[in-house]
Amino acid sequence: MRPRISPFSALRFRDFRLLWIGLLISRIGSEMQVVAVNWQIYLHTSSALSLGFIGLARFLPVLFFSIFGGIASDTVNRRRLMFVTHLAMMGFSTVLAVTTFTGHINPLLIYLLIAGNSVASAFDTPARQSIVPLLVPKNYFMNAVSLNTILWQSAVVIAPSIAGFVIAISGVGIVYLLNALSFLAVIIALIAMNPLSQTVSKETGFSLKAVMEGLSFVRRSPIIYSTMFLDFFATFFSSATVLLPIFAKDILRVGPTGLGFLYAAPALGAVIAGLIVSSLGHLKNQGKILLSAVCLYGLATILFGISKSFYLSLLFLFLTGVGDVVSTIIRNTIRQLTTPDYLRGRMVSVNMIFFMGGPQLGEAEAGILAAAIGTPASVVVGGIGTIVATLILSYFIPKLKNYQGDEVLLSN
């Protein structure tokens, strides 16, 4: 293992730093909105099944539009594409705020606005992930991935607690308004960035050939598609987050403030683990570390499901964050550095179906199962499913378990 480095090394590069700060502010607003939407839906319906439908509203647009988002990312300027998508997401949050303030909000409208936001995300995510290798040198990329993961999880640490207090004091409408304003941070950062040295294939275009080129690349790369399968099955079975309002209100009885801490606990574990990973430099035995991290995620989910103590629940959620972030950093580093620039958008768009489909369909599965057998049992079954799926993938795709990490560093 290489000597420790600064966990913030990639921030020395100006354009990456600008985008990172903008995304941090925007993500805090978006995570506040996640809490607000879940809380508002549960207050309107008192139904675990209705919470599960939030996942479907987020995933179905990704299923239908992600491949087009990937082609767009490989065809047009990624910075301009992100500018448009963030304007669109700002608009959806504004409508949520206005309809809530005027009393015209209802569950159906919330689902439709969430779906619209997911359409924008289907175009934004391939561009956002594919732009990072253009902003930092290759040997700083794992550090940049770690910082982006820390960014995401820091927002989850900060935002839910803020959202819980804001909802308790002022209601969910203010949360939606704050999220709409937060998108300005990314828009300003994009305007301030230098032109990108992006490789754009003039032959790509929106065509069946372009779609098949992306799918074929993923199919020919076992280390890429195995991490995608791992991502999907782990998050499908262990999607306990959508059920946290039920734990906060009916099981642990800690209310909206406690709900904020429950949301923040896994993110806090992720931030701490992310800082450690980003300071280690290159990791060896990455395949074994990846599989162990996902198993930790599943085990901690099981323990959370059977816990009746608020503080033990926080601990187990903290451990889910540790397992999740270690596997996320390794998976994203492998996929981005293994993929040529002109294919990155399409690779990410395929991966979106897995990394968004897993948790979103998992939320629907968790809601349905919770309605059928109870919330704690649903979470426990999900944790068991995560571990079983990980062991099966490890057995049938041994290249994943044997992956070291040097393969990416030595590739062109």
Protein backbone atom coordinates (compact mmCIF):
# COMPACT_ATOMS: atom_id res chain seq x y z
CA MET A 1 0.00 0.00 0.00
CA ARG A 2 1.28 3.43 -0.92
CA PRO A 3 2.04 6.13 1.65
CA ARG A 4 -0.88 8.15 2.95
CA ILE A 5 -1.78 11.28 1.03
CA SER A 6 -4.02 14.25 1.77
CA PRO A 7 -7.66 13.16 1.51
CA PHE A 8 -8.37 16.47 -0.26
CA SER A 9 -5.61 16.33 -2.90
CA ALA A 10 -7.96 16.50 -5.91
CA LEU A 11 -9.35 19.83 -4.70
CA ARG A 12 -6.12 21.53 -5.79
CA PHE A 13 -7.48 21.43 -9.35
CA ARG A 14 -9.59 24.55 -9.87
CA ASP A 15 -12.43 23.28 -12.05
CA PHE A 16 -12.92 20.15 -9.95
CA ARG A 17 -12.94 22.32 -6.83
CA LEU A 18 -15.57 24.68 -8.28
CA LEU A 19 -17.85 21.82 -9.30
CA TRP A 20 -17.32 19.98 -6.01
CA ILE A 21 -18.36 22.99 -3.92
CA GLY A 22 -21.38 23.67 -6.12
CA LEU A 23 -22.51 20.06 -6.00
CA LEU A 24 -22.09 19.95 -2.22
CA ILE A 25 -24.45 22.90 -1.74
CA SER A 26 -26.93 21.53 -4.26
CA ARG A 27 -26.81 18.04 -2.78
CA ILE A 28 -27.59 19.33 0.69
CA GLY A 29 -30.76 20.87 -0.74
CA SER A 30 -31.67 17.69 -2.61
CA GLU A 31 -31.21 15.47 0.44
CA MET A 32 -33.35 17.85 2.49
CA GLN A 33 -36.03 17.41 -0.15
CA VAL A 34 -35.78 13.59 0.08
CA VAL A 35 -36.66 13.80 3.77
CA ALA A 36 -39.47 16.26 3.09
CA VAL A 37 -41.02 14.13 0.34
CA ASN A 38 -40.95 10.95 2.43
CA TRP A 39 -42.40 12.74 5.45
CA GLN A 40 -45.12 14.50 3.43
CA ILE A 41 -46.17 11.30 1.64
CA TYR A 42 -46.38 9.40 4.93
CA LEU A 43 -48.40 12.18 6.59
CA HIS A 44 -50.83 12.18 3.64
CA THR A 45 -51.21 8.40 3.40
CA SER A 46 -49.90 6.69 6.60
CA SER A 47 -48.93 3.88 4.23
CA ALA A 48 -45.67 1.97 3.82
CA LEU A 49 -46.81 1.02 0.33
CA SER A 50 -47.13 4.70 -0.63
CA LEU A 51 -43.56 5.26 0.51
CA GLY A 52 -42.52 2.38 -1.71
CA PHE A 53 -44.15 4.07 -4.72
CA ILE A 54 -41.67 6.94 -4.32
CA GLY A 55 -39.00 4.52 -5.49
CA LEU A 56 -40.99 3.60 -8.59
CA ALA A 57 -41.57 7.26 -9.42
CA ARG A 58 -37.83 7.83 -9.29
CA PHE A 59 -36.78 4.71 -11.17
CA LEU A 60 -39.17 4.36 -14.12
CA PRO A 61 -37.95 7.57 -15.83
CA VAL A 62 -34.36 6.37 -15.38
CA LEU A 63 -35.26 3.05 -17.02
CA PHE A 64 -36.70 4.78 -20.08
CA PHE A 65 -34.44 7.83 -20.42
CA SER A 66 -31.01 6.93 -19.03
CA ILE A 67 -29.63 5.55 -22.30
CA PHE A 68 -30.61 8.80 -24.05
CA GLY A 69 -28.87 10.71 -21.27
CA GLY A 70 -25.75 8.63 -21.84
CA ILE A 71 -25.73 9.29 -25.57
CA ALA A 72 -26.26 13.00 -24.91
CA SER A 73 -23.28 13.00 -22.54
CA ASP A 74 -21.07 11.43 -25.22
CA THR A 75 -22.42 13.66 -28.00
CA VAL A 76 -22.77 17.19 -26.59
CA ASN A 77 -20.76 19.34 -24.21
CA ARG A 78 -21.23 17.84 -20.74
CA ARG A 79 -20.98 21.17 -18.96
CA ARG A 80 -23.80 22.67 -21.03
CA LEU A 81 -25.90 19.55 -20.53
CA MET A 82 -25.50 19.83 -16.76
CA PHE A 83 -26.50 23.51 -16.94
CA VAL A 84 -29.82 22.60 -18.58
CA THR A 85 -30.58 19.67 -16.27
CA HIS A 86 -29.98 21.74 -13.13
CA LEU A 87 -32.31 24.45 -14.40
CA ALA A 88 -34.97 21.77 -14.93
CA MET A 89 -34.51 20.28 -11.45
CA MET A 90 -34.74 23.77 -9.96
CA GLY A 91 -38.08 24.17 -11.73
CA PHE A 92 -39.54 20.93 -10.34
CA SER A 93 -38.55 21.86 -6.78
CA THR A 94 -40.10 25.30 -7.22
CA VAL A 95 -43.41 23.72 -8.27
CA LEU A 96 -43.30 21.46 -5.19
CA ALA A 97 -42.79 24.52 -2.99
CA VAL A 98 -45.53 26.61 -4.60
CA THR A 99 -48.15 23.84 -4.57
CA THR A 100 -47.35 23.04 -0.95
CA PHE A 101 -47.65 26.69 0.11
CA THR A 102 -50.96 27.08 -1.75
CA GLY A 103 -52.43 23.82 -0.45
CA HIS A 104 -52.75 22.22 -3.88
CA ILE A 105 -50.25 19.45 -3.19
CA ASN A 106 -51.33 15.79 -3.20
CA PRO A 107 -49.52 12.43 -3.44
CA LEU A 108 -50.15 12.04 -7.19
CA LEU A 109 -48.64 15.46 -7.93
CA ILE A 110 -45.64 14.65 -5.74
CA TYR A 111 -45.06 11.39 -7.64
CA LEU A 112 -45.30 13.22 -10.99
CA LEU A 113 -42.85 15.94 -9.95
CA ILE A 114 -40.44 13.32 -8.59
CA ALA A 115 -40.68 11.52 -11.93
CA GLY A 116 -39.95 14.75 -13.80
CA ASN A 117 -36.92 15.35 -11.61
CA SER A 118 -35.72 11.82 -12.41
CA VAL A 119 -35.96 12.49 -16.14
CA ALA A 120 -33.61 15.45 -15.66
CA SER A 121 -31.37 13.27 -13.49
CA ALA A 122 -31.23 10.63 -16.23
CA PHE A 123 -29.48 13.22 -18.42
CA ASP A 124 -27.50 14.88 -15.61
CA THR A 125 -25.91 11.81 -14.00
CA PRO A 126 -23.99 10.49 -17.05
CA ALA A 127 -22.67 13.99 -17.74
CA ARG A 128 -21.77 14.65 -14.10
CA GLN A 129 -19.94 11.37 -13.58
CA SER A 130 -18.23 11.43 -16.98
CA ILE A 131 -16.93 14.95 -16.50
CA VAL A 132 -14.76 14.11 -13.47
CA PRO A 133 -11.97 12.25 -15.37
CA LEU A 134 -11.62 15.42 -17.49
CA LEU A 135 -11.00 17.58 -14.42
CA VAL A 136 -8.23 15.67 -12.59
CA PRO A 137 -5.18 13.61 -13.68
CA LYS A 138 -5.61 9.84 -13.72
CA ASN A 139 -3.46 9.23 -10.63
CA TYR A 140 -5.73 11.54 -8.62
CA PHE A 141 -8.95 9.94 -9.80
CA MET A 142 -9.56 7.60 -6.85
CA ASN A 143 -9.05 10.59 -4.56
CA ALA A 144 -11.57 12.56 -6.64
CA VAL A 145 -14.08 9.68 -6.47
CA SER A 146 -13.59 9.52 -2.71
CA LEU A 147 -14.17 13.26 -2.42
CA ASN A 148 -17.33 13.04 -4.52
CA THR A 149 -18.57 10.20 -2.34
CA ILE A 150 -17.73 12.23 0.77
CA LEU A 151 -19.60 15.16 -0.81
CA TRP A 152 -22.69 13.02 -1.34
CA GLN A 153 -22.58 11.50 2.11
CA SER A 154 -21.72 14.78 3.85
CA ALA A 155 -24.89 16.18 2.38
CA VAL A 156 -26.79 13.22 3.79
CA VAL A 157 -25.23 13.88 7.21
CA ILE A 158 -26.00 17.59 7.19
CA ALA A 159 -29.27 17.75 5.29
CA PRO A 160 -31.61 15.38 7.17
CA SER A 161 -30.98 17.01 10.54
CA ILE A 162 -31.56 20.44 9.04
CA ALA A 163 -34.65 19.17 7.22
CA GLY A 164 -36.06 17.63 10.39
CA PHE A 165 -35.79 20.93 12.28
CA VAL A 166 -37.10 22.99 9.33
CA ILE A 167 -40.08 20.69 8.87
CA ALA A 168 -40.85 20.81 12.59
CA ILE A 169 -40.66 24.62 12.66
CA SER A 170 -41.80 25.80 9.21
CA GLY A 171 -43.15 22.81 7.26
CA VAL A 172 -42.03 20.99 4.13
CA GLY A 173 -42.69 23.87 1.73
CA ILE A 174 -39.65 25.79 2.96
CA VAL A 175 -37.50 22.71 2.38
CA TYR A 176 -38.61 22.55 -1.26
CA LEU A 177 -37.85 26.25 -1.72
CA LEU A 178 -34.37 25.92 -0.21
CA ASN A 179 -33.64 23.01 -2.53
CA ALA A 180 -34.69 25.06 -5.56
CA LEU A 181 -32.29 27.83 -4.57
CA SER A 182 -29.44 25.38 -3.93
CA PHE A 183 -29.22 24.46 -7.65
CA LEU A 184 -27.86 27.97 -8.30
CA ALA A 185 -24.54 26.88 -6.75
CA VAL A 186 -23.93 24.31 -9.51
CA ILE A 187 -25.11 26.66 -12.24
CA ILE A 188 -22.65 29.35 -11.08
CA ALA A 189 -19.81 26.80 -10.86
CA LEU A 190 -20.49 25.56 -14.40
CA ILE A 191 -20.38 29.11 -15.75
CA ALA A 192 -17.03 29.76 -14.01
CA MET A 193 -15.31 26.56 -15.25
CA ASN A 194 -12.84 26.47 -18.14
CA PRO A 195 -13.74 24.77 -21.46
CA LEU A 196 -13.56 20.97 -21.33
CA SER A 197 -11.13 18.84 -23.32
CA GLN A 198 -13.90 16.33 -23.99
CA THR A 199 -13.61 13.61 -26.63
CA VAL A 200 -16.81 13.83 -28.68
CA SER A 201 -17.42 11.31 -31.45
CA LYS A 202 -19.15 12.97 -34.40
CA GLU A 203 -20.38 9.53 -35.45
CA THR A 204 -22.24 8.86 -32.19
CA GLY A 205 -25.60 10.62 -32.46
CA PHE A 206 -28.93 9.34 -31.14
CA SER A 207 -29.09 6.01 -32.92
CA LEU A 208 -29.51 2.31 -32.27
CA LYS A 209 -25.86 1.86 -33.23
CA ALA A 210 -24.79 4.24 -30.45
CA VAL A 211 -26.95 2.37 -27.94
CA MET A 212 -25.56 -1.00 -28.96
CA GLU A 213 -21.98 0.28 -28.84
CA GLY A 214 -22.41 1.20 -25.18
CA LEU A 215 -24.18 -2.04 -24.28
CA SER A 216 -21.58 -4.11 -26.14
CA PHE A 217 -18.72 -2.46 -24.26
CA VAL A 218 -20.30 -3.26 -20.91
CA ARG A 219 -21.07 -6.85 -21.97
CA ARG A 220 -17.44 -7.43 -22.96
CA SER A 221 -16.10 -6.13 -19.61
CA PRO A 222 -16.74 -8.65 -16.78
CA ILE A 223 -15.21 -6.44 -14.11
CA ILE A 224 -17.62 -3.64 -15.07
CA TYR A 225 -20.84 -5.63 -15.36
CA SER A 226 -20.07 -7.66 -12.22
CA THR A 227 -19.80 -4.46 -10.16
CA MET A 228 -23.08 -3.31 -11.68
CA PHE A 229 -24.83 -6.52 -10.66
CA LEU A 230 -23.34 -6.22 -7.19
CA ASP A 231 -24.58 -2.66 -6.95
CA PHE A 232 -28.09 -3.62 -8.00
CA PHE A 233 -28.65 -6.65 -5.79
CA ALA A 234 -27.08 -5.11 -2.68
CA THR A 235 -29.17 -1.95 -2.88
CA PHE A 236 -32.32 -3.80 -3.97
CA PHE A 237 -32.37 -6.00 -0.89
CA SER A 238 -31.10 -3.44 1.64
CA SER A 239 -33.27 -0.41 0.89
CA ALA A 240 -34.30 0.34 4.46
CA THR A 241 -34.01 4.11 4.07
CA VAL A 242 -37.50 4.57 2.66
CA LEU A 243 -38.94 2.91 5.79
CA LEU A 244 -37.14 5.23 8.22
CA PRO A 245 -40.25 7.42 8.75
CA ILE A 246 -42.02 4.31 10.08
CA PHE A 247 -39.12 3.52 12.42
CA ALA A 248 -39.01 7.15 13.61
CA LYS A 249 -42.75 7.51 14.15
CA ASP A 250 -44.03 4.07 15.17
CA ILE A 251 -41.11 1.84 16.29
CA LEU A 252 -38.45 4.03 17.87
CA ARG A 253 -40.89 6.92 18.53
CA VAL A 254 -38.40 9.75 17.99
CA GLY A 255 -40.43 12.00 15.66
CA PRO A 256 -39.14 14.18 12.78
CA THR A 257 -36.03 15.29 14.69
CA GLY A 258 -35.03 11.68 15.37
CA LEU A 259 -35.81 10.90 11.73
CA GLY A 260 -33.16 13.40 10.71
CA PHE A 261 -30.56 11.64 12.86
CA LEU A 262 -31.55 8.25 11.45
CA TYR A 263 -31.01 9.56 7.92
CA ALA A 264 -27.70 11.13 8.94
CA ALA A 265 -26.17 8.08 10.68
CA PRO A 266 -25.22 6.02 7.59
CA ALA A 267 -23.91 9.14 5.89
CA LEU A 268 -21.70 9.94 8.88
CA GLY A 269 -20.20 6.44 8.65
CA ALA A 270 -19.70 6.96 4.93
CA VAL A 271 -17.92 10.30 5.39
CA ILE A 272 -15.49 8.91 7.98
CA ALA A 273 -14.75 5.80 5.91
CA GLY A 274 -14.44 7.91 2.76
CA LEU A 275 -11.85 10.18 4.37
CA ILE A 276 -9.83 7.14 5.41
CA VAL A 277 -9.97 5.55 1.94
CA SER A 278 -9.08 8.83 0.19
CA SER A 279 -5.96 9.19 2.34
CA LEU A 280 -4.67 5.67 1.62
CA GLY A 281 -3.78 6.18 -2.02
CA HIS A 282 -3.92 2.95 -4.02
CA LEU A 283 -5.56 -0.11 -2.44
CA LYS A 284 -4.58 -3.72 -3.18
CA ASN A 285 -6.97 -6.68 -3.00
CA GLN A 286 -9.77 -4.36 -4.06
CA GLY A 287 -12.07 -7.23 -5.06
CA LYS A 288 -11.97 -8.84 -1.63
CA ILE A 289 -12.36 -5.45 0.07
CA LEU A 290 -15.34 -4.68 -2.15
CA LEU A 291 -17.14 -7.95 -1.37
CA SER A 292 -16.40 -7.67 2.36
CA ALA A 293 -17.75 -4.13 2.43
CA VAL A 294 -21.05 -5.19 0.84
CA CYS A 295 -21.39 -8.07 3.33
CA LEU A 296 -20.83 -5.59 6.18
CA TYR A 297 -23.59 -3.46 4.67
CA GLY A 298 -25.98 -6.42 4.68
CA LEU A 299 -25.10 -7.54 8.21
CA ALA A 300 -25.54 -4.05 9.64
CA THR A 301 -28.91 -3.83 7.89
CA ILE A 302 -30.05 -7.04 9.62
CA LEU A 303 -28.98 -5.71 13.02
CA PHE A 304 -30.79 -2.42 12.41
CA GLY A 305 -33.97 -4.29 11.54
CA ILE A 306 -34.04 -6.16 14.87
CA SER A 307 -32.92 -3.21 17.02
CA LYS A 308 -35.41 -1.57 19.37
CA SER A 309 -32.92 0.96 20.72
CA PHE A 310 -32.56 4.35 19.05
CA TYR A 311 -28.83 4.55 19.80
CA LEU A 312 -28.08 1.00 18.63
CA SER A 313 -30.08 1.75 15.50
CA LEU A 314 -27.87 4.77 14.87
CA LEU A 315 -24.77 2.58 15.29
CA PHE A 316 -25.97 -0.07 12.85
CA LEU A 317 -26.97 2.56 10.30
CA PHE A 318 -23.51 4.10 10.75
CA LEU A 319 -21.97 0.73 9.81
CA THR A 320 -24.16 0.45 6.71
CA GLY A 321 -22.63 3.74 5.60
CA VAL A 322 -19.10 2.42 6.16
CA GLY A 323 -19.73 -0.66 4.04
CA ASP A 324 -21.56 1.26 1.34
CA VAL A 325 -18.96 3.98 0.78
CA VAL A 326 -15.97 1.63 0.56
CA SER A 327 -17.69 -0.45 -2.09
CA THR A 328 -18.90 2.67 -3.93
CA ILE A 329 -15.42 4.20 -4.21
CA ILE A 330 -13.90 0.99 -5.55
CA ARG A 331 -16.74 0.35 -8.01
CA ASN A 332 -16.75 3.87 -9.43
CA THR A 333 -12.97 4.01 -9.80
CA ILE A 334 -12.91 0.72 -11.70
CA ARG A 335 -15.71 1.68 -14.07
CA GLN A 336 -14.62 5.22 -14.91
CA LEU A 337 -10.93 4.45 -15.49
CA THR A 338 -11.63 1.29 -17.48
CA THR A 339 -13.98 3.09 -19.89
CA PRO A 340 -12.77 5.28 -22.82
CA ASP A 341 -13.93 8.91 -22.64
CA TYR A 342 -16.14 8.69 -25.73
CA LEU A 343 -18.08 5.80 -24.10
CA ARG A 344 -18.23 7.03 -20.50
CA GLY A 345 -21.67 8.59 -20.76
CA ARG A 346 -23.22 5.44 -22.17
CA MET A 347 -21.45 3.24 -19.63
CA VAL A 348 -22.81 5.43 -16.83
CA SER A 349 -26.29 5.36 -18.39
CA VAL A 350 -26.26 1.55 -18.33
CA ASN A 351 -24.97 1.62 -14.78
CA MET A 352 -27.75 4.05 -13.80
CA ILE A 353 -30.28 1.30 -14.37
CA PHE A 354 -28.41 -0.78 -11.81
CA PHE A 355 -27.37 1.79 -9.18
CA MET A 356 -30.67 3.67 -9.33
CA GLY A 357 -32.84 0.69 -10.16
CA GLY A 358 -31.55 -1.27 -7.18
CA PRO A 359 -32.48 1.21 -4.44
CA GLN A 360 -35.60 2.55 -6.16
CA LEU A 361 -37.07 -0.88 -6.93
CA GLY A 362 -35.78 -1.93 -3.52
CA GLU A 363 -37.82 0.84 -1.94
CA ALA A 364 -40.92 -0.51 -3.65
CA GLU A 365 -40.00 -4.04 -2.55
CA ALA A 366 -39.38 -2.86 1.01
CA GLY A 367 -42.71 -1.04 1.13
CA ILE A 368 -44.66 -4.02 -0.22
CA LEU A 369 -42.87 -6.49 2.06
CA ALA A 370 -43.28 -4.20 5.08
CA ALA A 371 -47.02 -4.02 4.41
CA ALA A 372 -47.15 -7.82 4.18
CA ILE A 373 -44.88 -9.02 7.03
CA GLY A 374 -44.06 -5.89 9.03
CA THR A 375 -41.37 -3.23 8.78
CA PRO A 376 -38.60 -4.82 10.94
CA ALA A 377 -38.98 -8.20 9.23
CA SER A 378 -38.79 -6.54 5.82
CA VAL A 379 -35.47 -4.92 6.71
CA VAL A 380 -34.01 -8.17 8.10
CA VAL A 381 -34.98 -10.14 5.00
CA GLY A 382 -33.35 -7.43 2.87
CA GLY A 383 -30.06 -7.69 4.76
CA ILE A 384 -30.01 -11.46 4.37
CA GLY A 385 -30.72 -11.10 0.66
CA THR A 386 -27.77 -8.71 0.28
CA ILE A 387 -25.30 -11.18 1.78
CA VAL A 388 -26.64 -14.12 -0.22
CA ALA A 389 -26.52 -12.18 -3.51
CA THR A 390 -22.93 -11.07 -2.80
CA LEU A 391 -21.77 -14.62 -2.13
CA ILE A 392 -23.45 -15.90 -5.30
CA LEU A 393 -21.80 -13.19 -7.45
CA SER A 394 -18.43 -13.92 -5.87
CA TYR A 395 -18.80 -17.59 -6.75
CA PHE A 396 -19.94 -17.19 -10.36
CA ILE A 397 -17.65 -14.24 -11.26
CA PRO A 398 -14.31 -15.07 -9.60
CA LYS A 399 -12.57 -12.24 -11.48
CA LEU A 400 -14.39 -9.85 -9.14
CA LYS A 401 -13.00 -11.49 -6.01
CA ASN A 402 -9.49 -11.71 -7.47
CA TYR A 403 -9.35 -8.11 -8.69
CA GLN A 404 -6.33 -6.24 -7.28
CA GLY A 405 -6.62 -2.66 -8.59
CA ASP A 406 -3.33 -2.45 -10.47
CA GLU A 407 -5.22 -3.46 -13.62
CA VAL A 408 -6.82 0.00 -13.80
CA LEU A 409 -3.69 1.98 -12.96
CA LEU A 410 -1.68 0.23 -15.65
CA SER A 411 -4.35 0.55 -18.36
CA ASN A 412 -4.25 3.27 -20.98
